[in-house]
Every structure is written in structure tokens, then in C-alpha cells.
Amino acid sequence: MMSSKSSSLIKRVTPLFTSWIRQNHRLLSSSALHEASSLVDDSIHLTDNCIRRLKELQTSEGSAKDKMLRLGVETGGCSGFQYVFDLDDKTNPDDRVFETEGVRLVVDNISYDFLKGATVDYVEELIRAAFIVATNPSAVGGCSCKSSFMVKQ
């Protein structure tokens, strides 16, 4: 049988261990949640072709040295929303800037909600050469020219 001293010790230590286990469980759970959420990559990616073309634009024109590729989303197009590309030399307070290998892509916060995880490419075809959004996890459909898209509902 246990002595009253050991029984008293167990009664005093049990709440401490219980509290310690709960605290560590919360810490482990929150760090696991943070780690899992950091695995989701919501950045916008640039393909090698896109990076190459932006570097060519920067070196071909002295004035284009500080230019960034701006990507926006507007209503319109044959599928409901359309991508808009432009070269820009300034950022706005609500912009997100994605930099890869010295080239920068700028996206405003509203457009970013439609573009999380997207990949921007540069294509050269018989009928055109253009920047396009090659993949967009937020889009469920679009036109064949990849300039407009429909969003998930």
C-alpha cells in the first residue's frame, strides 16, 4: 500500500503535470497548425520564359530598367473576368510584390484574391507573343486564349 506521504505528493504533482501537458499540447497544436498553413503556397509564380522576357525588356530599354510586370483582374472577357498585364514603375500601398531572380511582379490586393497560387508565363505563338496566366487554382474555366476566366463558386 502507498503511504500517506506518497499519496499526498501524487495529489500535489498531478495538477502540475496536467497543466504542463495541456500547455504543451496547445503549443504543439498551434505550431503544427502554423506549419501546415505555411505549406500552402499562395504566392504567384513566374516561369523561366516569363523571367527571361522581363529581363530582356529591362536590358533592351534603359527606361524599362526599373519596370515591373503588373498583373490585374478586371470584370469582362468572354468568361466573366479577364487578366490585364502592364509594365509599371511604381507600386501602390495595396500592392503585393513577388520577386524572382531580380524581376518583379506586382499585384493589387483585390486581384490577388483571384490569383493566389497562379503561374505567369510568357508565350510566343504565330498570332501573338504575350504574358499569360498559365495556371490559376481559383479559375474553373476560361477561354482558349487564356485571357479570361471564371472563378470557383
C-alpha atoms as a PDB file:
ATOM      1  CA  MET A   1       0.000   0.000   0.000  1.00  0.00           C
ATOM      2  CA  MET A   2       1.018   3.556  -0.578  1.00  0.00           C
ATOM      3  CA  SER A   3       1.953   5.698   2.314  1.00  0.00           C
ATOM      4  CA  SER A   4       0.100   8.898   3.013  1.00  0.00           C
ATOM      5  CA  LYS A   5       3.228  10.886   2.076  1.00  0.00           C
ATOM      6  CA  SER A   6       3.387   9.447  -1.430  1.00  0.00           C
ATOM      7  CA  SER A   7      -0.377   9.814  -1.853  1.00  0.00           C
ATOM      8  CA  SER A   8      -0.139  13.448  -0.814  1.00  0.00           C
ATOM      9  CA  LEU A   9       2.758  14.007  -3.223  1.00  0.00           C
ATOM     10  CA  ILE A  10       0.808  12.493  -6.114  1.00  0.00           C
ATOM     11  CA  LYS A  11      -2.181  14.720  -5.355  1.00  0.00           C
ATOM     12  CA  ARG A  12       0.044  17.813  -5.379  1.00  0.00           C
ATOM     13  CA  VAL A  13       2.008  16.905  -8.526  1.00  0.00           C
ATOM     14  CA  THR A  14      -0.907  15.690 -10.661  1.00  0.00           C
ATOM     15  CA  PRO A  15      -2.372  19.192 -11.325  1.00  0.00           C
ATOM     16  CA  LEU A  16       1.099  20.451 -12.267  1.00  0.00           C
ATOM     17  CA  PHE A  17       1.657  17.658 -14.771  1.00  0.00           C
ATOM     18  CA  THR A  18      -1.853  18.047 -16.151  1.00  0.00           C
ATOM     19  CA  SER A  19      -1.322  21.769 -16.651  1.00  0.00           C
ATOM     20  CA  TRP A  20       2.081  21.185 -18.250  1.00  0.00           C
ATOM     21  CA  ILE A  21       0.675  18.574 -20.651  1.00  0.00           C
ATOM     22  CA  ARG A  22      -2.227  20.858 -21.661  1.00  0.00           C
ATOM     23  CA  GLN A  23       0.098  23.798 -22.258  1.00  0.00           C
ATOM     24  CA  ASN A  24       2.482  21.735 -24.380  1.00  0.00           C
ATOM     25  CA  HIS A  25      -0.421  20.210 -26.288  1.00  0.00           C
ATOM     26  CA  ARG A  26      -1.679  23.723 -27.135  1.00  0.00           C
ATOM     27  CA  LEU A  27       1.800  24.820 -28.198  1.00  0.00           C
ATOM     28  CA  LEU A  28       2.293  21.726 -30.335  1.00  0.00           C
ATOM     29  CA  SER A  29      -1.154  22.057 -31.871  1.00  0.00           C
ATOM     30  CA  SER A  30      -0.711  25.730 -32.730  1.00  0.00           C
ATOM     31  CA  SER A  31       2.783  25.179 -34.154  1.00  0.00           C
ATOM     32  CA  ALA A  32       1.509  22.246 -36.210  1.00  0.00           C
ATOM     33  CA  LEU A  33      -1.356  24.409 -37.458  1.00  0.00           C
ATOM     34  CA  HIS A  34       1.059  27.234 -38.306  1.00  0.00           C
ATOM     35  CA  GLU A  35       3.392  24.771 -40.031  1.00  0.00           C
ATOM     36  CA  ALA A  36       0.534  23.285 -42.054  1.00  0.00           C
ATOM     37  CA  SER A  37      -0.725  26.724 -43.098  1.00  0.00           C
ATOM     38  CA  SER A  38       2.773  27.770 -44.152  1.00  0.00           C
ATOM     39  CA  LEU A  39       2.886  24.774 -46.522  1.00  0.00           C
ATOM     40  CA  VAL A  40       0.097  26.310 -48.596  1.00  0.00           C
ATOM     41  CA  ASP A  41       1.878  28.385 -51.222  1.00  0.00           C
ATOM     42  CA  ASP A  42      -0.285  31.347 -52.175  1.00  0.00           C
ATOM     43  CA  SER A  43       2.487  33.227 -53.948  1.00  0.00           C
ATOM     44  CA  ILE A  44       2.327  33.917 -57.651  1.00  0.00           C
ATOM     45  CA  HIS A  45       4.979  32.096 -59.641  1.00  0.00           C
ATOM     46  CA  LEU A  46       6.893  33.145 -62.738  1.00  0.00           C
ATOM     47  CA  THR A  47       8.071  30.627 -65.316  1.00  0.00           C
ATOM     48  CA  ASP A  48      11.588  30.716 -66.762  1.00  0.00           C
ATOM     49  CA  ASN A  49      10.188  32.144 -70.029  1.00  0.00           C
ATOM     50  CA  CYS A  50       8.460  34.939 -68.136  1.00  0.00           C
ATOM     51  CA  ILE A  51      11.628  35.791 -66.197  1.00  0.00           C
ATOM     52  CA  ARG A  52      13.718  35.702 -69.373  1.00  0.00           C
ATOM     53  CA  ARG A  53      11.347  38.043 -71.234  1.00  0.00           C
ATOM     54  CA  LEU A  54      11.169  40.522 -68.356  1.00  0.00           C
ATOM     55  CA  LYS A  55      14.969  40.616 -68.190  1.00  0.00           C
ATOM     56  CA  GLU A  56      15.092  41.196 -71.958  1.00  0.00           C
ATOM     57  CA  LEU A  57      12.684  44.117 -71.594  1.00  0.00           C
ATOM     58  CA  GLN A  58      14.760  45.581 -68.788  1.00  0.00           C
ATOM     59  CA  THR A  59      18.007  45.418 -70.787  1.00  0.00           C
ATOM     60  CA  SER A  60      16.593  46.476 -74.174  1.00  0.00           C
ATOM     61  CA  GLU A  61      15.259  49.797 -72.962  1.00  0.00           C
ATOM     62  CA  GLY A  62      17.115  51.933 -70.457  1.00  0.00           C
ATOM     63  CA  SER A  63      13.797  53.315 -69.214  1.00  0.00           C
ATOM     64  CA  ALA A  64      12.489  49.789 -68.593  1.00  0.00           C
ATOM     65  CA  LYS A  65      15.265  49.017 -66.082  1.00  0.00           C
ATOM     66  CA  ASP A  66      13.001  49.685 -63.101  1.00  0.00           C
ATOM     67  CA  LYS A  67       9.840  48.361 -64.717  1.00  0.00           C
ATOM     68  CA  MET A  68       7.780  45.670 -63.048  1.00  0.00           C
ATOM     69  CA  LEU A  69       5.145  43.447 -64.586  1.00  0.00           C
ATOM     70  CA  ARG A  70       1.754  44.415 -63.187  1.00  0.00           C
ATOM     71  CA  LEU A  71      -0.981  41.793 -63.249  1.00  0.00           C
ATOM     72  CA  GLY A  72      -4.567  42.711 -62.516  1.00  0.00           C
ATOM     73  CA  VAL A  73      -8.021  41.179 -62.778  1.00  0.00           C
ATOM     74  CA  GLU A  74     -10.988  43.069 -64.217  1.00  0.00           C
ATOM     75  CA  THR A  75     -14.555  42.130 -64.972  1.00  0.00           C
ATOM     76  CA  GLY A  76     -15.126  41.360 -68.613  1.00  0.00           C
ATOM     77  CA  GLY A  77     -13.880  38.984 -71.242  1.00  0.00           C
ATOM     78  CA  CYS A  78     -15.824  36.050 -72.571  1.00  0.00           C
ATOM     79  CA  SER A  79     -15.733  34.174 -69.235  1.00  0.00           C
ATOM     80  CA  GLY A  80     -16.556  36.881 -66.690  1.00  0.00           C
ATOM     81  CA  PHE A  81     -13.093  38.049 -65.579  1.00  0.00           C
ATOM     82  CA  GLN A  82     -10.036  38.957 -67.586  1.00  0.00           C
ATOM     83  CA  TYR A  83      -6.334  39.261 -66.871  1.00  0.00           C
ATOM     84  CA  VAL A  84      -4.662  42.601 -67.509  1.00  0.00           C
ATOM     85  CA  PHE A  85      -0.875  42.902 -67.907  1.00  0.00           C
ATOM     86  CA  ASP A  86       1.093  46.132 -67.926  1.00  0.00           C
ATOM     87  CA  LEU A  87       4.618  47.356 -67.298  1.00  0.00           C
ATOM     88  CA  ASP A  88       4.753  49.696 -64.310  1.00  0.00           C
ATOM     89  CA  ASP A  89       7.479  51.575 -62.490  1.00  0.00           C
ATOM     90  CA  LYS A  90       5.680  52.257 -59.207  1.00  0.00           C
ATOM     91  CA  THR A  91       3.856  50.329 -56.524  1.00  0.00           C
ATOM     92  CA  ASN A  92       0.757  51.340 -54.621  1.00  0.00           C
ATOM     93  CA  PRO A  93       0.165  50.863 -50.886  1.00  0.00           C
ATOM     94  CA  ASP A  94      -2.224  47.942 -51.531  1.00  0.00           C
ATOM     95  CA  ASP A  95       0.162  46.070 -53.870  1.00  0.00           C
ATOM     96  CA  ARG A  96       1.866  42.761 -53.286  1.00  0.00           C
ATOM     97  CA  VAL A  97       5.271  42.375 -54.899  1.00  0.00           C
ATOM     98  CA  PHE A  98       6.662  38.980 -55.920  1.00  0.00           C
ATOM     99  CA  GLU A  99      10.343  38.984 -56.850  1.00  0.00           C
ATOM    100  CA  THR A 100      12.165  36.167 -58.625  1.00  0.00           C
ATOM    101  CA  GLU A 101      15.700  36.337 -59.996  1.00  0.00           C
ATOM    102  CA  GLY A 102      15.693  40.134 -59.992  1.00  0.00           C
ATOM    103  CA  VAL A 103      12.366  40.646 -61.782  1.00  0.00           C
ATOM    104  CA  ARG A 104       9.233  41.772 -60.012  1.00  0.00           C
ATOM    105  CA  LEU A 105       5.553  41.036 -60.443  1.00  0.00           C
ATOM    106  CA  VAL A 106       3.102  43.467 -58.840  1.00  0.00           C
ATOM    107  CA  VAL A 107      -0.498  42.538 -57.989  1.00  0.00           C
ATOM    108  CA  ASP A 108      -3.072  44.668 -56.153  1.00  0.00           C
ATOM    109  CA  ASN A 109      -4.805  43.080 -53.148  1.00  0.00           C
ATOM    110  CA  ILE A 110      -8.199  42.676 -54.829  1.00  0.00           C
ATOM    111  CA  SER A 111      -6.702  40.933 -57.858  1.00  0.00           C
ATOM    112  CA  TYR A 112      -4.501  38.824 -55.593  1.00  0.00           C
ATOM    113  CA  ASP A 113      -7.594  37.113 -54.161  1.00  0.00           C
ATOM    114  CA  PHE A 114      -8.291  35.791 -57.685  1.00  0.00           C
ATOM    115  CA  LEU A 115      -4.653  34.853 -58.386  1.00  0.00           C
ATOM    116  CA  LYS A 116      -3.340  33.032 -55.311  1.00  0.00           C
ATOM    117  CA  GLY A 117      -1.052  30.212 -56.384  1.00  0.00           C
ATOM    118  CA  ALA A 118      -1.181  31.170 -60.081  1.00  0.00           C
ATOM    119  CA  THR A 119       1.697  30.817 -62.547  1.00  0.00           C
ATOM    120  CA  VAL A 120       2.551  33.549 -65.045  1.00  0.00           C
ATOM    121  CA  ASP A 121       4.209  32.572 -68.324  1.00  0.00           C
ATOM    122  CA  TYR A 122       5.383  34.274 -71.498  1.00  0.00           C
ATOM    123  CA  VAL A 123       4.395  32.583 -74.752  1.00  0.00           C
ATOM    124  CA  GLU A 124       5.387  33.196 -78.352  1.00  0.00           C
ATOM    125  CA  GLU A 125       2.888  31.878 -80.883  1.00  0.00           C
ATOM    126  CA  LEU A 126       2.222  32.504 -84.557  1.00  0.00           C
ATOM    127  CA  ILE A 127      -0.540  35.002 -83.826  1.00  0.00           C
ATOM    128  CA  ARG A 128       0.889  36.682 -80.731  1.00  0.00           C
ATOM    129  CA  ALA A 129       3.567  36.923 -78.101  1.00  0.00           C
ATOM    130  CA  ALA A 130       2.227  37.728 -74.645  1.00  0.00           C
ATOM    131  CA  PHE A 131       2.327  37.231 -70.919  1.00  0.00           C
ATOM    132  CA  ILE A 132      -0.402  34.821 -69.822  1.00  0.00           C
ATOM    133  CA  VAL A 133      -1.646  33.221 -66.633  1.00  0.00           C
ATOM    134  CA  ALA A 134      -0.782  29.605 -67.416  1.00  0.00           C
ATOM    135  CA  THR A 135      -2.377  28.086 -64.318  1.00  0.00           C
ATOM    136  CA  ASN A 136      -4.762  29.581 -61.784  1.00  0.00           C
ATOM    137  CA  PRO A 137      -6.155  27.484 -58.913  1.00  0.00           C
ATOM    138  CA  SER A 138      -9.018  29.983 -58.489  1.00  0.00           C
ATOM    139  CA  ALA A 139     -10.251  29.520 -62.062  1.00  0.00           C
ATOM    140  CA  VAL A 140     -12.629  26.770 -63.119  1.00  0.00           C
ATOM    141  CA  GLY A 141     -12.790  27.603 -66.771  1.00  0.00           C
ATOM    142  CA  GLY A 142     -11.866  30.166 -69.350  1.00  0.00           C
ATOM    143  CA  CYS A 143     -11.398  30.961 -72.960  1.00  0.00           C
ATOM    144  CA  SER A 144      -8.867  29.244 -75.175  1.00  0.00           C
ATOM    145  CA  CYS A 145      -6.676  32.347 -75.427  1.00  0.00           C
ATOM    146  CA  LYS A 146      -6.212  32.275 -71.627  1.00  0.00           C
ATOM    147  CA  SER A 147      -7.031  35.955 -71.253  1.00  0.00           C
ATOM    148  CA  SER A 148     -10.315  35.454 -69.384  1.00  0.00           C
ATOM    149  CA  PHE A 149     -11.579  33.027 -66.758  1.00  0.00           C
ATOM    150  CA  MET A 150     -14.457  32.003 -64.484  1.00  0.00           C
ATOM    151  CA  VAL A 151     -13.972  31.714 -60.718  1.00  0.00           C
ATOM    152  CA  LYS A 152     -14.925  28.879 -58.410  1.00  0.00           C
ATOM    153  CA  GLN A 153     -18.186  29.461 -56.595  1.00  0.00           C
END
